[in-house]
N, C-alpha and C. Protein backbone atom coordinates (compact mmCIF):
# COMPACT_ATOMS: atom_id res chain seq x y z
N CYS A 1 -38.61 55.45 -30.02
CA CYS A 1 -38.88 54.08 -29.60
C CYS A 1 -37.60 53.40 -29.12
N ARG A 2 -36.51 53.69 -29.80
CA ARG A 2 -35.24 53.06 -29.42
C ARG A 2 -34.80 53.50 -28.04
N ARG A 3 -34.86 54.79 -27.80
CA ARG A 3 -34.37 55.34 -26.55
C ARG A 3 -35.32 55.09 -25.39
N TYR A 4 -36.59 55.28 -25.59
CA TYR A 4 -37.54 55.23 -24.48
C TYR A 4 -38.18 53.87 -24.24
N LYS A 5 -38.25 53.05 -25.29
CA LYS A 5 -38.90 51.75 -25.16
C LYS A 5 -37.95 50.59 -25.43
N ASN A 6 -36.67 50.91 -25.63
CA ASN A 6 -35.65 49.89 -25.91
C ASN A 6 -36.01 48.98 -27.08
N GLN A 7 -36.65 49.55 -28.10
CA GLN A 7 -36.99 48.78 -29.27
C GLN A 7 -35.83 48.80 -30.27
N VAL A 8 -35.76 47.76 -31.06
CA VAL A 8 -34.72 47.67 -32.08
C VAL A 8 -35.14 48.54 -33.27
N VAL A 9 -34.20 49.34 -33.74
CA VAL A 9 -34.45 50.20 -34.89
C VAL A 9 -33.45 49.82 -35.97
N ILE A 10 -33.96 49.54 -37.15
CA ILE A 10 -33.10 49.22 -38.29
C ILE A 10 -33.45 50.21 -39.40
N PRO A 11 -32.63 51.24 -39.56
CA PRO A 11 -32.93 52.22 -40.61
C PRO A 11 -32.63 51.63 -41.99
N VAL A 12 -33.50 51.90 -42.93
CA VAL A 12 -33.31 51.46 -44.30
C VAL A 12 -33.33 52.70 -45.17
N PHE A 13 -32.28 52.91 -45.92
CA PHE A 13 -32.18 54.08 -46.78
C PHE A 13 -32.40 53.63 -48.22
N TYR A 14 -33.54 53.97 -48.75
CA TYR A 14 -33.93 53.55 -50.09
C TYR A 14 -33.77 54.72 -51.05
N GLU A 15 -32.87 54.57 -51.98
CA GLU A 15 -32.57 55.58 -52.99
C GLU A 15 -32.23 56.94 -52.38
N VAL A 16 -31.54 56.90 -51.25
CA VAL A 16 -31.06 58.13 -50.62
C VAL A 16 -29.73 57.82 -49.94
N ASP A 17 -28.82 58.75 -50.00
CA ASP A 17 -27.52 58.57 -49.36
C ASP A 17 -27.69 58.82 -47.85
N PRO A 18 -27.34 57.87 -47.01
CA PRO A 18 -27.49 58.06 -45.57
C PRO A 18 -26.77 59.30 -45.04
N SER A 19 -25.68 59.71 -45.69
CA SER A 19 -25.00 60.92 -45.22
C SER A 19 -25.82 62.16 -45.51
N ASP A 20 -26.67 62.13 -46.55
CA ASP A 20 -27.59 63.26 -46.80
C ASP A 20 -28.60 63.37 -45.66
N VAL A 21 -29.03 62.23 -45.15
CA VAL A 21 -29.96 62.22 -44.03
C VAL A 21 -29.25 62.71 -42.77
N ARG A 22 -28.08 62.17 -42.52
CA ARG A 22 -27.32 62.50 -41.31
C ARG A 22 -26.99 63.99 -41.25
N LYS A 23 -26.58 64.54 -42.38
CA LYS A 23 -26.13 65.94 -42.41
C LYS A 23 -27.20 66.89 -42.93
N GLN A 24 -28.39 66.36 -43.23
CA GLN A 24 -29.49 67.12 -43.80
C GLN A 24 -29.03 67.94 -45.00
N LYS A 25 -28.48 67.25 -46.00
CA LYS A 25 -28.03 67.85 -47.25
C LYS A 25 -28.99 67.47 -48.37
N GLY A 26 -28.82 68.06 -49.52
CA GLY A 26 -29.65 67.74 -50.68
C GLY A 26 -31.10 68.11 -50.44
N SER A 27 -32.00 67.18 -50.73
CA SER A 27 -33.43 67.46 -50.59
C SER A 27 -33.83 67.71 -49.14
N TYR A 28 -33.09 67.12 -48.21
CA TYR A 28 -33.37 67.36 -46.79
C TYR A 28 -33.04 68.80 -46.42
N GLU A 29 -31.94 69.30 -46.94
CA GLU A 29 -31.55 70.68 -46.68
C GLU A 29 -32.61 71.65 -47.22
N THR A 30 -33.08 71.37 -48.43
CA THR A 30 -34.10 72.21 -49.05
C THR A 30 -35.39 72.20 -48.24
N ALA A 31 -35.82 71.02 -47.84
CA ALA A 31 -37.07 70.90 -47.07
C ALA A 31 -36.96 71.61 -45.72
N PHE A 32 -35.84 71.42 -45.02
CA PHE A 32 -35.70 72.06 -43.71
C PHE A 32 -35.56 73.57 -43.83
N ALA A 33 -34.98 74.06 -44.92
CA ALA A 33 -34.92 75.51 -45.13
C ALA A 33 -36.34 76.07 -45.30
N ARG A 34 -37.17 75.32 -46.03
CA ARG A 34 -38.56 75.75 -46.21
C ARG A 34 -39.30 75.73 -44.89
N TYR A 35 -39.10 74.68 -44.11
CA TYR A 35 -39.75 74.60 -42.80
C TYR A 35 -39.29 75.72 -41.88
N LYS A 36 -38.00 76.05 -41.97
CA LYS A 36 -37.48 77.12 -41.11
C LYS A 36 -38.14 78.45 -41.45
N MET A 37 -38.36 78.71 -42.74
CA MET A 37 -39.04 79.95 -43.15
C MET A 37 -40.46 79.98 -42.58
N GLU A 38 -41.14 78.85 -42.63
CA GLU A 38 -42.50 78.76 -42.09
C GLU A 38 -42.50 78.87 -40.57
N ALA A 39 -41.44 78.39 -39.95
CA ALA A 39 -41.37 78.34 -38.50
C ALA A 39 -41.05 79.70 -37.88
N ASP A 40 -40.61 80.65 -38.70
CA ASP A 40 -40.28 81.96 -38.17
C ASP A 40 -41.43 82.58 -37.39
N THR A 41 -42.64 82.17 -37.69
CA THR A 41 -43.80 82.73 -36.99
C THR A 41 -44.26 81.85 -35.83
N SER A 42 -43.65 80.67 -35.68
CA SER A 42 -44.10 79.75 -34.64
C SER A 42 -42.91 79.07 -33.95
N GLU A 43 -42.66 79.44 -32.73
CA GLU A 43 -41.58 78.83 -31.97
C GLU A 43 -41.84 77.34 -31.75
N LYS A 44 -43.08 76.99 -31.51
CA LYS A 44 -43.45 75.59 -31.28
C LYS A 44 -43.14 74.73 -32.52
N PHE A 45 -43.46 75.26 -33.70
CA PHE A 45 -43.20 74.53 -34.93
C PHE A 45 -41.70 74.35 -35.12
N MET A 46 -40.90 75.38 -34.80
CA MET A 46 -39.46 75.26 -34.94
C MET A 46 -38.91 74.20 -34.00
N GLU A 47 -39.46 74.08 -32.82
CA GLU A 47 -39.05 73.03 -31.89
C GLU A 47 -39.34 71.65 -32.49
N THR A 48 -40.48 71.54 -33.16
CA THR A 48 -40.85 70.28 -33.81
C THR A 48 -39.86 69.95 -34.93
N VAL A 49 -39.54 70.94 -35.75
CA VAL A 49 -38.59 70.74 -36.85
C VAL A 49 -37.22 70.35 -36.30
N ASP A 50 -36.78 71.00 -35.25
CA ASP A 50 -35.50 70.64 -34.62
C ASP A 50 -35.52 69.20 -34.13
N GLY A 51 -36.66 68.77 -33.62
CA GLY A 51 -36.81 67.37 -33.19
C GLY A 51 -36.69 66.41 -34.36
N TRP A 52 -37.30 66.76 -35.49
CA TRP A 52 -37.19 65.93 -36.70
C TRP A 52 -35.74 65.81 -37.14
N LYS A 53 -35.04 66.94 -37.15
CA LYS A 53 -33.65 66.95 -37.58
C LYS A 53 -32.79 66.06 -36.67
N ALA A 54 -33.00 66.18 -35.39
CA ALA A 54 -32.23 65.38 -34.43
C ALA A 54 -32.54 63.89 -34.61
N ALA A 55 -33.80 63.56 -34.82
CA ALA A 55 -34.20 62.16 -35.00
C ALA A 55 -33.59 61.58 -36.28
N LEU A 56 -33.58 62.35 -37.36
CA LEU A 56 -32.99 61.88 -38.60
C LEU A 56 -31.49 61.65 -38.46
N THR A 57 -30.83 62.58 -37.77
CA THR A 57 -29.39 62.42 -37.54
C THR A 57 -29.12 61.17 -36.72
N GLU A 58 -29.89 60.97 -35.68
CA GLU A 58 -29.71 59.79 -34.83
C GLU A 58 -29.96 58.51 -35.61
N ALA A 59 -31.03 58.49 -36.40
CA ALA A 59 -31.35 57.29 -37.18
C ALA A 59 -30.25 56.99 -38.21
N ALA A 60 -29.72 58.03 -38.83
CA ALA A 60 -28.68 57.83 -39.83
C ALA A 60 -27.36 57.37 -39.21
N ASN A 61 -27.18 57.63 -37.93
CA ASN A 61 -25.97 57.20 -37.25
C ASN A 61 -26.03 55.76 -36.77
N ILE A 62 -27.21 55.15 -36.83
CA ILE A 62 -27.36 53.74 -36.43
C ILE A 62 -26.84 52.88 -37.57
N SER A 63 -26.04 51.90 -37.24
CA SER A 63 -25.59 50.97 -38.27
C SER A 63 -26.81 50.22 -38.77
N GLY A 64 -27.11 50.40 -40.02
CA GLY A 64 -28.33 49.79 -40.55
C GLY A 64 -28.12 49.27 -41.95
N TRP A 65 -29.13 49.43 -42.73
CA TRP A 65 -29.17 48.85 -44.06
C TRP A 65 -29.23 49.97 -45.07
N ASP A 66 -28.50 49.79 -46.15
CA ASP A 66 -28.51 50.75 -47.23
C ASP A 66 -28.99 50.00 -48.46
N SER A 67 -30.24 50.24 -48.86
CA SER A 67 -30.79 49.48 -49.98
C SER A 67 -30.95 50.35 -51.22
N ARG A 68 -30.05 51.32 -51.38
CA ARG A 68 -30.11 52.12 -52.59
C ARG A 68 -29.91 51.23 -53.81
N ILE A 69 -30.60 51.55 -54.86
CA ILE A 69 -30.49 50.77 -56.10
C ILE A 69 -29.58 51.54 -57.05
N TYR A 70 -28.54 50.88 -57.49
CA TYR A 70 -27.63 51.49 -58.44
C TYR A 70 -27.88 50.92 -59.80
N GLY A 71 -27.84 51.77 -60.81
CA GLY A 71 -28.10 51.22 -62.12
C GLY A 71 -27.44 51.90 -63.22
């Protein structure tokens, strides 16, 4: 939406470190490893997963809001 429709995007990171999203570490790394195993049989699915990864990296690079709760 940001790139194609010039809409404002404000990423909010709730109880997650934005650098984990940007670098796909932690739970993101685990999930994408699982998707990659599933994608071995489908090139189309792997393209979709690569798109998700790129979108998450782009969103995490936008100056936004970090609403993690520390306690």
